[in-house]
Amino acid sequence: MPEVTDADFAAEVIGSELPVLVEFTADWCPPCRQMAPVLSALAEEEGDRFRVVQLNVDQNPATTNAYKVLSMPTFMVFRGGEPVKSMVGSRPKRRLLEELADVV
């Protein structure tokens, strides 16, 4: 799954024509590792509707702080350059898709 950084967040997420699901993640986060196959499947299956990217919170503190991310995993959906939905915690793929239905 593609990773974004503080340096390219604006271009890759804010400037995206498609909605973007950003997972704020960390290497030390077990629920984040649990979500990896779910997010990979979503990226493959739903890539024509929205993008899925990861941002490592430890390596990218500016973006993490700008969006006040305190828990991992945090998922944010950006559409038209603005955050339109935020969710915290791991969840099954079906539930995640249900929660995304109104924003992607």
PDB file of N, CA and C in Angstrom:
ATOM      1  N   MET A   1       0.843  -1.176   0.000  1.00  0.00           N
ATOM      2  CA  MET A   1       0.000   0.000   0.000  1.00  0.00           C
ATOM      3  C   MET A   1       0.889   1.240   0.000  1.00  0.00           C
ATOM      4  N   PRO A   2       0.509   2.249  -0.756  1.00  0.00           N
ATOM      5  CA  PRO A   2       1.349   3.454  -0.821  1.00  0.00           C
ATOM      6  C   PRO A   2       1.428   4.164   0.525  1.00  0.00           C
ATOM      7  N   GLU A   3       2.611   4.700   0.805  1.00  0.00           N
ATOM      8  CA  GLU A   3       2.811   5.509   2.001  1.00  0.00           C
ATOM      9  C   GLU A   3       2.958   6.961   1.581  1.00  0.00           C
ATOM     10  N   VAL A   4       2.399   7.851   2.389  1.00  0.00           N
ATOM     11  CA  VAL A   4       2.582   9.281   2.178  1.00  0.00           C
ATOM     12  C   VAL A   4       3.369   9.830   3.359  1.00  0.00           C
ATOM     13  N   THR A   5       3.965  11.005   3.150  1.00  0.00           N
ATOM     14  CA  THR A   5       4.798  11.624   4.168  1.00  0.00           C
ATOM     15  C   THR A   5       4.361  13.073   4.373  1.00  0.00           C
ATOM     16  N   ASP A   6       4.958  13.712   5.363  1.00  0.00           N
ATOM     17  CA  ASP A   6       4.718  15.142   5.549  1.00  0.00           C
ATOM     18  C   ASP A   6       5.017  15.900   4.260  1.00  0.00           C
ATOM     19  N   ALA A   7       6.073  15.496   3.563  1.00  0.00           N
ATOM     20  CA  ALA A   7       6.530  16.207   2.367  1.00  0.00           C
ATOM     21  C   ALA A   7       5.557  16.096   1.196  1.00  0.00           C
ATOM     22  N   ASP A   8       4.887  14.949   1.043  1.00  0.00           N
ATOM     23  CA  ASP A   8       4.018  14.793  -0.125  1.00  0.00           C
ATOM     24  C   ASP A   8       2.532  14.670   0.207  1.00  0.00           C
ATOM     25  N   PHE A   9       2.169  14.870   1.467  1.00  0.00           N
ATOM     26  CA  PHE A   9       0.767  14.741   1.875  1.00  0.00           C
ATOM     27  C   PHE A   9      -0.142  15.674   1.077  1.00  0.00           C
ATOM     28  N   ALA A  10       0.253  16.915   0.914  1.00  0.00           N
ATOM     29  CA  ALA A  10      -0.585  17.882   0.189  1.00  0.00           C
ATOM     30  C   ALA A  10      -0.813  17.435  -1.252  1.00  0.00           C
ATOM     31  N   ALA A  11       0.225  16.989  -1.915  1.00  0.00           N
ATOM     32  CA  ALA A  11       0.094  16.575  -3.314  1.00  0.00           C
ATOM     33  C   ALA A  11      -0.683  15.272  -3.450  1.00  0.00           C
ATOM     34  N   GLU A  12      -0.378  14.303  -2.588  1.00  0.00           N
ATOM     35  CA  GLU A  12      -0.962  12.967  -2.729  1.00  0.00           C
ATOM     36  C   GLU A  12      -2.376  12.841  -2.154  1.00  0.00           C
ATOM     37  N   VAL A  13      -2.678  13.602  -1.107  1.00  0.00           N
ATOM     38  CA  VAL A  13      -3.971  13.457  -0.428  1.00  0.00           C
ATOM     39  C   VAL A  13      -4.855  14.683  -0.684  1.00  0.00           C
ATOM     40  N   ILE A  14      -4.374  15.846  -0.298  1.00  0.00           N
ATOM     41  CA  ILE A  14      -5.171  17.066  -0.446  1.00  0.00           C
ATOM     42  C   ILE A  14      -5.470  17.341  -1.914  1.00  0.00           C
ATOM     43  N   GLY A  15      -4.498  17.103  -2.784  1.00  0.00           N
ATOM     44  CA  GLY A  15      -4.667  17.387  -4.204  1.00  0.00           C
ATOM     45  C   GLY A  15      -5.264  16.266  -5.025  1.00  0.00           C
ATOM     46  N   SER A  16      -5.636  15.170  -4.406  1.00  0.00           N
ATOM     47  CA  SER A  16      -6.167  14.021  -5.146  1.00  0.00           C
ATOM     48  C   SER A  16      -7.562  14.307  -5.692  1.00  0.00           C
ATOM     49  N   GLU A  17      -7.782  13.877  -6.921  1.00  0.00           N
ATOM     50  CA  GLU A  17      -9.114  14.009  -7.510  1.00  0.00           C
ATOM     51  C   GLU A  17     -10.078  12.970  -6.939  1.00  0.00           C
ATOM     52  N   LEU A  18      -9.550  11.823  -6.547  1.00  0.00           N
ATOM     53  CA  LEU A  18     -10.371  10.794  -5.907  1.00  0.00           C
ATOM     54  C   LEU A  18     -10.383  11.030  -4.401  1.00  0.00           C
ATOM     55  N   PRO A  19     -11.434  10.577  -3.711  1.00  0.00           N
ATOM     56  CA  PRO A  19     -11.362  10.572  -2.249  1.00  0.00           C
ATOM     57  C   PRO A  19     -10.190   9.700  -1.801  1.00  0.00           C
ATOM     58  N   VAL A  20      -9.610  10.004  -0.643  1.00  0.00           N
ATOM     59  CA  VAL A  20      -8.461   9.255  -0.138  1.00  0.00           C
ATOM     60  C   VAL A  20      -8.742   8.818   1.294  1.00  0.00           C
ATOM     61  N   LEU A  21      -8.597   7.530   1.545  1.00  0.00           N
ATOM     62  CA  LEU A  21      -8.651   6.984   2.902  1.00  0.00           C
ATOM     63  C   LEU A  21      -7.223   6.913   3.401  1.00  0.00           C
ATOM     64  N   VAL A  22      -6.914   7.671   4.447  1.00  0.00           N
ATOM     65  CA  VAL A  22      -5.578   7.694   5.030  1.00  0.00           C
ATOM     66  C   VAL A  22      -5.609   6.915   6.339  1.00  0.00           C
ATOM     67  N   GLU A  23      -4.719   5.935   6.440  1.00  0.00           N
ATOM     68  CA  GLU A  23      -4.541   5.253   7.723  1.00  0.00           C
ATOM     69  C   GLU A  23      -3.324   5.878   8.398  1.00  0.00           C
ATOM     70  N   PHE A  24      -3.550   6.498   9.554  1.00  0.00           N
ATOM     71  CA  PHE A  24      -2.463   6.978  10.389  1.00  0.00           C
ATOM     72  C   PHE A  24      -2.028   5.769  11.210  1.00  0.00           C
ATOM     73  N   THR A  25      -0.788   5.347  11.027  1.00  0.00           N
ATOM     74  CA  THR A  25      -0.337   4.071  11.549  1.00  0.00           C
ATOM     75  C   THR A  25       1.030   4.192  12.207  1.00  0.00           C
ATOM     76  N   ALA A  26       1.446   3.136  12.868  1.00  0.00           N
ATOM     77  CA  ALA A  26       2.780   3.065  13.472  1.00  0.00           C
ATOM     78  C   ALA A  26       3.257   1.619  13.422  1.00  0.00           C
ATOM     79  N   ASP A  27       4.568   1.441  13.292  1.00  0.00           N
ATOM     80  CA  ASP A  27       5.137   0.090  13.218  1.00  0.00           C
ATOM     81  C   ASP A  27       4.857  -0.723  14.477  1.00  0.00           C
ATOM     82  N   TRP A  28       4.769  -0.056  15.622  1.00  0.00           N
ATOM     83  CA  TRP A  28       4.596  -0.736  16.907  1.00  0.00           C
ATOM     84  C   TRP A  28       3.130  -1.032  17.240  1.00  0.00           C
ATOM     85  N   CYS A  29       2.208  -0.717  16.346  1.00  0.00           N
ATOM     86  CA  CYS A  29       0.770  -0.800  16.609  1.00  0.00           C
ATOM     87  C   CYS A  29       0.179  -2.128  16.118  1.00  0.00           C
ATOM     88  N   PRO A  30      -0.150  -3.084  17.031  1.00  0.00           N
ATOM     89  CA  PRO A  30      -0.729  -4.360  16.602  1.00  0.00           C
ATOM     90  C   PRO A  30      -2.045  -4.217  15.818  1.00  0.00           C
ATOM     91  N   PRO A  31      -2.992  -3.362  16.232  1.00  0.00           N
ATOM     92  CA  PRO A  31      -4.206  -3.243  15.429  1.00  0.00           C
ATOM     93  C   PRO A  31      -3.928  -2.700  14.020  1.00  0.00           C
ATOM     94  N   CYS A  32      -2.885  -1.890  13.889  1.00  0.00           N
ATOM     95  CA  CYS A  32      -2.513  -1.380  12.559  1.00  0.00           C
ATOM     96  C   CYS A  32      -2.054  -2.530  11.671  1.00  0.00           C
ATOM     97  N   ARG A  33      -1.231  -3.409  12.225  1.00  0.00           N
ATOM     98  CA  ARG A  33      -0.780  -4.578  11.450  1.00  0.00           C
ATOM     99  C   ARG A  33      -1.961  -5.467  11.086  1.00  0.00           C
ATOM    100  N   GLN A  34      -2.939  -5.561  11.976  1.00  0.00           N
ATOM    101  CA  GLN A  34      -4.143  -6.356  11.720  1.00  0.00           C
ATOM    102  C   GLN A  34      -4.930  -5.775  10.542  1.00  0.00           C
ATOM    103  N   MET A  35      -4.898  -4.468  10.384  1.00  0.00           N
ATOM    104  CA  MET A  35      -5.655  -3.810   9.312  1.00  0.00           C
ATOM    105  C   MET A  35      -4.967  -3.876   7.950  1.00  0.00           C
ATOM    106  N   ALA A  36      -3.681  -4.200   7.912  1.00  0.00           N
ATOM    107  CA  ALA A  36      -2.923  -4.184   6.658  1.00  0.00           C
ATOM    108  C   ALA A  36      -3.577  -5.011   5.545  1.00  0.00           C
ATOM    109  N   PRO A  37      -3.969  -6.272   5.782  1.00  0.00           N
ATOM    110  CA  PRO A  37      -4.592  -7.019   4.686  1.00  0.00           C
ATOM    111  C   PRO A  37      -5.958  -6.463   4.294  1.00  0.00           C
ATOM    112  N   VAL A  38      -6.688  -5.925   5.250  1.00  0.00           N
ATOM    113  CA  VAL A  38      -7.999  -5.327   4.961  1.00  0.00           C
ATOM    114  C   VAL A  38      -7.821  -4.129   4.038  1.00  0.00           C
ATOM    115  N   LEU A  39      -6.871  -3.266   4.372  1.00  0.00           N
ATOM    116  CA  LEU A  39      -6.645  -2.070   3.567  1.00  0.00           C
ATOM    117  C   LEU A  39      -6.081  -2.404   2.199  1.00  0.00           C
ATOM    118  N   SER A  40      -5.217  -3.400   2.120  1.00  0.00           N
ATOM    119  CA  SER A  40      -4.691  -3.833   0.826  1.00  0.00           C
ATOM    120  C   SER A  40      -5.811  -4.344  -0.071  1.00  0.00           C
ATOM    121  N   ALA A  41      -6.724  -5.122   0.508  1.00  0.00           N
ATOM    122  CA  ALA A  41      -7.862  -5.627  -0.262  1.00  0.00           C
ATOM    123  C   ALA A  41      -8.752  -4.476  -0.735  1.00  0.00           C
ATOM    124  N   LEU A  42      -9.002  -3.505   0.152  1.00  0.00           N
ATOM    125  CA  LEU A  42      -9.809  -2.345  -0.240  1.00  0.00           C
ATOM    126  C   LEU A  42      -9.143  -1.567  -1.364  1.00  0.00           C
ATOM    127  N   ALA A  43      -7.846  -1.372  -1.269  1.00  0.00           N
ATOM    128  CA  ALA A  43      -7.119  -0.632  -2.302  1.00  0.00           C
ATOM    129  C   ALA A  43      -7.250  -1.332  -3.650  1.00  0.00           C
ATOM    130  N   GLU A  44      -7.180  -2.646  -3.636  1.00  0.00           N
ATOM    131  CA  GLU A  44      -7.275  -3.409  -4.880  1.00  0.00           C
ATOM    132  C   GLU A  44      -8.707  -3.425  -5.421  1.00  0.00           C
ATOM    133  N   GLU A  45      -9.677  -3.634  -4.555  1.00  0.00           N
ATOM    134  CA  GLU A  45     -11.071  -3.787  -4.986  1.00  0.00           C
ATOM    135  C   GLU A  45     -11.773  -2.463  -5.279  1.00  0.00           C
ATOM    136  N   GLU A  46     -11.394  -1.402  -4.573  1.00  0.00           N
ATOM    137  CA  GLU A  46     -12.118  -0.133  -4.674  1.00  0.00           C
ATOM    138  C   GLU A  46     -11.279   0.991  -5.279  1.00  0.00           C
ATOM    139  N   GLY A  47     -10.150   0.651  -5.880  1.00  0.00           N
ATOM    140  CA  GLY A  47      -9.225   1.642  -6.402  1.00  0.00           C
ATOM    141  C   GLY A  47      -9.799   2.596  -7.422  1.00  0.00           C
ATOM    142  N   ASP A  48     -10.891   2.218  -8.079  1.00  0.00           N
ATOM    143  CA  ASP A  48     -11.513   3.135  -9.040  1.00  0.00           C
ATOM    144  C   ASP A  48     -12.408   4.170  -8.350  1.00  0.00           C
ATOM    145  N   ARG A  49     -12.800   3.906  -7.095  1.00  0.00           N
ATOM    146  CA  ARG A  49     -13.662   4.841  -6.354  1.00  0.00           C
ATOM    147  C   ARG A  49     -12.897   5.727  -5.393  1.00  0.00           C
ATOM    148  N   PHE A  50     -11.866   5.175  -4.735  1.00  0.00           N
ATOM    149  CA  PHE A  50     -11.064   5.950  -3.793  1.00  0.00           C
ATOM    150  C   PHE A  50      -9.684   5.327  -3.629  1.00  0.00           C
ATOM    151  N   ARG A  51      -8.742   6.150  -3.165  1.00  0.00           N
ATOM    152  CA  ARG A  51      -7.380   5.700  -2.907  1.00  0.00           C
ATOM    153  C   ARG A  51      -7.235   5.340  -1.432  1.00  0.00           C
ATOM    154  N   VAL A  52      -6.301   4.438  -1.138  1.00  0.00           N
ATOM    155  CA  VAL A  52      -5.971   4.068   0.235  1.00  0.00           C
ATOM    156  C   VAL A  52      -4.467   4.265   0.407  1.00  0.00           C
ATOM    157  N   VAL A  53      -4.078   5.047   1.422  1.00  0.00           N
ATOM    158  CA  VAL A  53      -2.666   5.295   1.694  1.00  0.00           C
ATOM    159  C   VAL A  53      -2.420   5.204   3.197  1.00  0.00           C
ATOM    160  N   GLN A  54      -1.151   5.065   3.561  1.00  0.00           N
ATOM    161  CA  GLN A  54      -0.754   5.022   4.966  1.00  0.00           C
ATOM    162  C   GLN A  54       0.177   6.184   5.262  1.00  0.00           C
ATOM    163  N   LEU A  55       0.119   6.674   6.499  1.00  0.00           N
ATOM    164  CA  LEU A  55       1.048   7.686   6.974  1.00  0.00           C
ATOM    165  C   LEU A  55       1.586   7.212   8.319  1.00  0.00           C
ATOM    166  N   ASN A  56       2.896   7.038   8.418  1.00  0.00           N
ATOM    167  CA  ASN A  56       3.529   6.602   9.660  1.00  0.00           C
ATOM    168  C   ASN A  56       3.619   7.800  10.598  1.00  0.00           C
ATOM    169  N   VAL A  57       2.933   7.725  11.729  1.00  0.00           N
ATOM    170  CA  VAL A  57       2.852   8.867  12.649  1.00  0.00           C
ATOM    171  C   VAL A  57       4.200   9.201  13.285  1.00  0.00           C
ATOM    172  N   ASP A  58       5.037   8.206  13.510  1.00  0.00           N
ATOM    173  CA  ASP A  58       6.334   8.447  14.136  1.00  0.00           C
ATOM    174  C   ASP A  58       7.288   9.180  13.195  1.00  0.00           C
ATOM    175  N   GLN A  59       7.168   8.913  11.916  1.00  0.00           N
ATOM    176  CA  GLN A  59       8.058   9.516  10.929  1.00  0.00           C
ATOM    177  C   GLN A  59       7.511  10.815  10.341  1.00  0.00           C
ATOM    178  N   ASN A  60       6.243  11.121  10.613  1.00  0.00           N
ATOM    179  CA  ASN A  60       5.587  12.277  10.000  1.00  0.00           C
ATOM    180  C   ASN A  60       4.778  13.058  11.031  1.00  0.00           C
ATOM    181  N   PRO A  61       5.464  13.680  11.985  1.00  0.00           N
ATOM    182  CA  PRO A  61       4.758  14.355  13.076  1.00  0.00           C
ATOM    183  C   PRO A  61       3.981  15.604  12.657  1.00  0.00           C
ATOM    184  N   ALA A  62       4.406  16.289  11.617  1.00  0.00           N
ATOM    185  CA  ALA A  62       3.714  17.527  11.227  1.00  0.00           C
ATOM    186  C   ALA A  62       2.271  17.238  10.798  1.00  0.00           C
ATOM    187  N   THR A  63       2.082  16.268   9.927  1.00  0.00           N
ATOM    188  CA  THR A  63       0.734  15.928   9.466  1.00  0.00           C
ATOM    189  C   THR A  63      -0.077  15.310  10.600  1.00  0.00           C
ATOM    190  N   THR A  64       0.564  14.442  11.377  1.00  0.00           N
ATOM    191  CA  THR A  64      -0.105  13.812  12.519  1.00  0.00           C
ATOM    192  C   THR A  64      -0.638  14.871  13.475  1.00  0.00           C
ATOM    193  N   ASN A  65       0.179  15.848  13.805  1.00  0.00           N
ATOM    194  CA  ASN A  65      -0.237  16.919  14.717  1.00  0.00           C
ATOM    195  C   ASN A  65      -1.271  17.842  14.082  1.00  0.00           C
ATOM    196  N   ALA A  66      -1.125  18.118  12.807  1.00  0.00           N
ATOM    197  CA  ALA A  66      -2.063  19.018  12.127  1.00  0.00           C
ATOM    198  C   ALA A  66      -3.494  18.480  12.186  1.00  0.00           C
ATOM    199  N   TYR A  67      -3.644  17.157  12.124  1.00  0.00           N
ATOM    200  CA  TYR A  67      -4.974  16.549  12.150  1.00  0.00           C
ATOM    201  C   TYR A  67      -5.314  15.974  13.524  1.00  0.00           C
ATOM    202  N   LYS A  68      -4.504  16.306  14.536  1.00  0.00           N
ATOM    203  CA  LYS A  68      -4.763  15.948  15.928  1.00  0.00           C
ATOM    204  C   LYS A  68      -4.990  14.447  16.123  1.00  0.00           C
ATOM    205  N   VAL A  69      -4.159  13.652  15.476  1.00  0.00           N
ATOM    206  CA  VAL A  69      -4.246  12.201  15.593  1.00  0.00           C
ATOM    207  C   VAL A  69      -3.543  11.772  16.875  1.00  0.00           C
ATOM    208  N   LEU A  70      -4.279  11.091  17.746  1.00  0.00           N
ATOM    209  CA  LEU A  70      -3.740  10.655  19.032  1.00  0.00           C
ATOM    210  C   LEU A  70      -3.731   9.137  19.196  1.00  0.00           C
ATOM    211  N   SER A  71      -4.553   8.429  18.443  1.00  0.00           N
ATOM    212  CA  SER A  71      -4.673   6.973  18.578  1.00  0.00           C
ATOM    213  C   SER A  71      -4.442   6.319  17.229  1.00  0.00           C
ATOM    214  N   MET A  72      -3.915   5.086  17.283  1.00  0.00           N
ATOM    215  CA  MET A  72      -3.706   4.334  16.063  1.00  0.00           C
ATOM    216  C   MET A  72      -4.430   3.003  16.147  1.00  0.00           C
ATOM    217  N   PRO A  73      -4.976   2.546  15.038  1.00  0.00           N
ATOM    218  CA  PRO A  73      -5.047   3.266  13.778  1.00  0.00           C
ATOM    219  C   PRO A  73      -6.170   4.298  13.786  1.00  0.00           C
ATOM    220  N   THR A  74      -5.891   5.436  13.181  1.00  0.00           N
ATOM    221  CA  THR A  74      -6.923   6.429  12.881  1.00  0.00           C
ATOM    222  C   THR A  74      -7.070   6.458  11.374  1.00  0.00           C
ATOM    223  N   PHE A  75      -8.311   6.431  10.931  1.00  0.00           N
ATOM    224  CA  PHE A  75      -8.603   6.509   9.502  1.00  0.00           C
ATOM    225  C   PHE A  75      -9.289   7.838   9.238  1.00  0.00           C
ATOM    226  N   MET A  76      -8.820   8.554   8.230  1.00  0.00           N
ATOM    227  CA  MET A  76      -9.475   9.792   7.811  1.00  0.00           C
ATOM    228  C   MET A  76      -9.730   9.719   6.326  1.00  0.00           C
ATOM    229  N   VAL A  77     -10.920  10.154   5.942  1.00  0.00           N
ATOM    230  CA  VAL A  77     -11.258  10.244   4.535  1.00  0.00           C
ATOM    231  C   VAL A  77     -11.166  11.705   4.142  1.00  0.00           C
ATOM    232  N   PHE A  78     -10.411  11.954   3.079  1.00  0.00           N
ATOM    233  CA  PHE A  78     -10.276  13.296   2.520  1.00  0.00           C
ATOM    234  C   PHE A  78     -10.966  13.317   1.168  1.00  0.00           C
ATOM    235  N   ARG A  79     -11.801  14.312   0.973  1.00  0.00           N
ATOM    236  CA  ARG A  79     -12.502  14.488  -0.296  1.00  0.00           C
ATOM    237  C   ARG A  79     -12.449  15.968  -0.637  1.00  0.00           C
ATOM    238  N   GLY A  80     -12.022  16.291  -1.829  1.00  0.00           N
ATOM    239  CA  GLY A  80     -11.923  17.683  -2.219  1.00  0.00           C
ATOM    240  C   GLY A  80     -10.942  18.460  -1.366  1.00  0.00           C
ATOM    241  N   GLY A  81      -9.922  17.780  -0.855  1.00  0.00           N
ATOM    242  CA  GLY A  81      -8.900  18.435  -0.062  1.00  0.00           C
ATOM    243  C   GLY A  81      -9.232  18.623   1.404  1.00  0.00           C
ATOM    244  N   GLU A  82     -10.406  18.169   1.837  1.00  0.00           N
ATOM    245  CA  GLU A  82     -10.840  18.358   3.220  1.00  0.00           C
ATOM    246  C   GLU A  82     -11.126  17.024   3.889  1.00  0.00           C
ATOM    247  N   PRO A  83     -10.830  16.910   5.187  1.00  0.00           N
ATOM    248  CA  PRO A  83     -11.222  15.694   5.904  1.00  0.00           C
ATOM    249  C   PRO A  83     -12.741  15.681   6.098  1.00  0.00           C
ATOM    250  N   VAL A  84     -13.374  14.596   5.687  1.00  0.00           N
ATOM    251  CA  VAL A  84     -14.832  14.507   5.774  1.00  0.00           C
ATOM    252  C   VAL A  84     -15.307  13.417   6.738  1.00  0.00           C
ATOM    253  N   LYS A  85     -14.389  12.570   7.184  1.00  0.00           N
ATOM    254  CA  LYS A  85     -14.762  11.513   8.123  1.00  0.00           C
ATOM    255  C   LYS A  85     -13.510  11.034   8.841  1.00  0.00           C
ATOM    256  N   SER A  86     -13.677  10.708  10.130  1.00  0.00           N
ATOM    257  CA  SER A  86     -12.581  10.175  10.931  1.00  0.00           C
ATOM    258  C   SER A  86     -13.094   8.997  11.745  1.00  0.00           C
ATOM    259  N   MET A  87     -12.296   7.935  11.808  1.00  0.00           N
ATOM    260  CA  MET A  87     -12.653   6.733  12.555  1.00  0.00           C
ATOM    261  C   MET A  87     -11.408   6.242  13.278  1.00  0.00           C
ATOM    262  N   VAL A  88     -11.576   5.709  14.470  1.00  0.00           N
ATOM    263  CA  VAL A  88     -10.447   5.215  15.251  1.00  0.00           C
ATOM    264  C   VAL A  88     -10.665   3.744  15.565  1.00  0.00           C
ATOM    265  N   GLY A  89      -9.616   2.950  15.390  1.00  0.00           N
ATOM    266  CA  GLY A  89      -9.660   1.539  15.764  1.00  0.00           C
ATOM    267  C   GLY A  89      -9.838   0.607  14.589  1.00  0.00           C
ATOM    268  N   SER A  90      -9.400  -0.630  14.782  1.00  0.00           N
ATOM    269  CA  SER A  90      -9.521  -1.627  13.719  1.00  0.00           C
ATOM    270  C   SER A  90     -10.973  -2.087  13.602  1.00  0.00           C
ATOM    271  N   ARG A  91     -11.296  -2.591  12.441  1.00  0.00           N
ATOM    272  CA  ARG A  91     -12.640  -3.073  12.154  1.00  0.00           C
ATOM    273  C   ARG A  91     -12.574  -4.005  10.945  1.00  0.00           C
ATOM    274  N   PRO A  92     -13.558  -4.894  10.801  1.00  0.00           N
ATOM    275  CA  PRO A  92     -13.585  -5.778   9.637  1.00  0.00           C
ATOM    276  C   PRO A  92     -13.848  -4.980   8.354  1.00  0.00           C
ATOM    277  N   LYS A  93     -13.445  -5.565   7.242  1.00  0.00           N
ATOM    278  CA  LYS A  93     -13.585  -4.889   5.947  1.00  0.00           C
ATOM    279  C   LYS A  93     -15.033  -4.481   5.670  1.00  0.00           C
ATOM    280  N   ARG A  94     -15.968  -5.370   5.928  1.00  0.00           N
ATOM    281  CA  ARG A  94     -17.376  -5.069   5.642  1.00  0.00           C
ATOM    282  C   ARG A  94     -17.850  -3.848   6.430  1.00  0.00           C
ATOM    283  N   ARG A  95     -17.493  -3.780   7.699  1.00  0.00           N
ATOM    284  CA  ARG A  95     -17.899  -2.631   8.517  1.00  0.00           C
ATOM    285  C   ARG A  95     -17.230  -1.342   8.038  1.00  0.00           C
ATOM    286  N   LEU A  96     -15.962  -1.437   7.681  1.00  0.00           N
ATOM    287  CA  LEU A  96     -15.256  -0.265   7.175  1.00  0.00           C
ATOM    288  C   LEU A  96     -15.916   0.250   5.894  1.00  0.00           C
ATOM    289  N   LEU A  97     -16.269  -0.656   4.995  1.00  0.00           N
ATOM    290  CA  LEU A  97     -16.964  -0.246   3.771  1.00  0.00           C
ATOM    291  C   LEU A  97     -18.314   0.405   4.069  1.00  0.00           C
ATOM    292  N   GLU A  98     -19.031  -0.144   5.043  1.00  0.00           N
ATOM    293  CA  GLU A  98     -20.323   0.459   5.437  1.00  0.00           C
ATOM    294  C   GLU A  98     -20.117   1.886   5.955  1.00  0.00           C
ATOM    295  N   GLU A  99     -19.067   2.080   6.749  1.00  0.00           N
ATOM    296  CA  GLU A  99     -18.798   3.406   7.300  1.00  0.00           C
ATOM    297  C   GLU A  99     -18.314   4.392   6.243  1.00  0.00           C
ATOM    298  N   LEU A 100     -17.729   3.876   5.186  1.00  0.00           N
ATOM    299  CA  LEU A 100     -17.222   4.732   4.109  1.00  0.00           C
ATOM    300  C   LEU A 100     -18.288   5.053   3.063  1.00  0.00           C
ATOM    301  N   ALA A 101     -19.392   4.324   3.076  1.00  0.00           N
ATOM    302  CA  ALA A 101     -20.396   4.427   2.016  1.00  0.00           C
ATOM    303  C   ALA A 101     -20.900   5.842   1.768  1.00  0.00           C
ATOM    304  N   ASP A 102     -21.020   6.647   2.822  1.00  0.00           N
ATOM    305  CA  ASP A 102     -21.580   7.978   2.647  1.00  0.00           C
ATOM    306  C   ASP A 102     -20.552   9.044   2.267  1.00  0.00           C
ATOM    307  N   VAL A 103     -19.259   8.657   2.188  1.00  0.00           N
ATOM    308  CA  VAL A 103     -18.234   9.670   1.904  1.00  0.00           C
ATOM    309  C   VAL A 103     -17.349   9.357   0.692  1.00  0.00           C
ATOM    310  N   VAL A 104     -17.441   8.165   0.132  1.00  0.00           N
ATOM    311  CA  VAL A 104     -16.631   7.855  -1.053  1.00  0.00           C
ATOM    312  C   VAL A 104     -17.508   7.500  -2.238  1.00  0.00           C
TER     313      VAL A 104
END
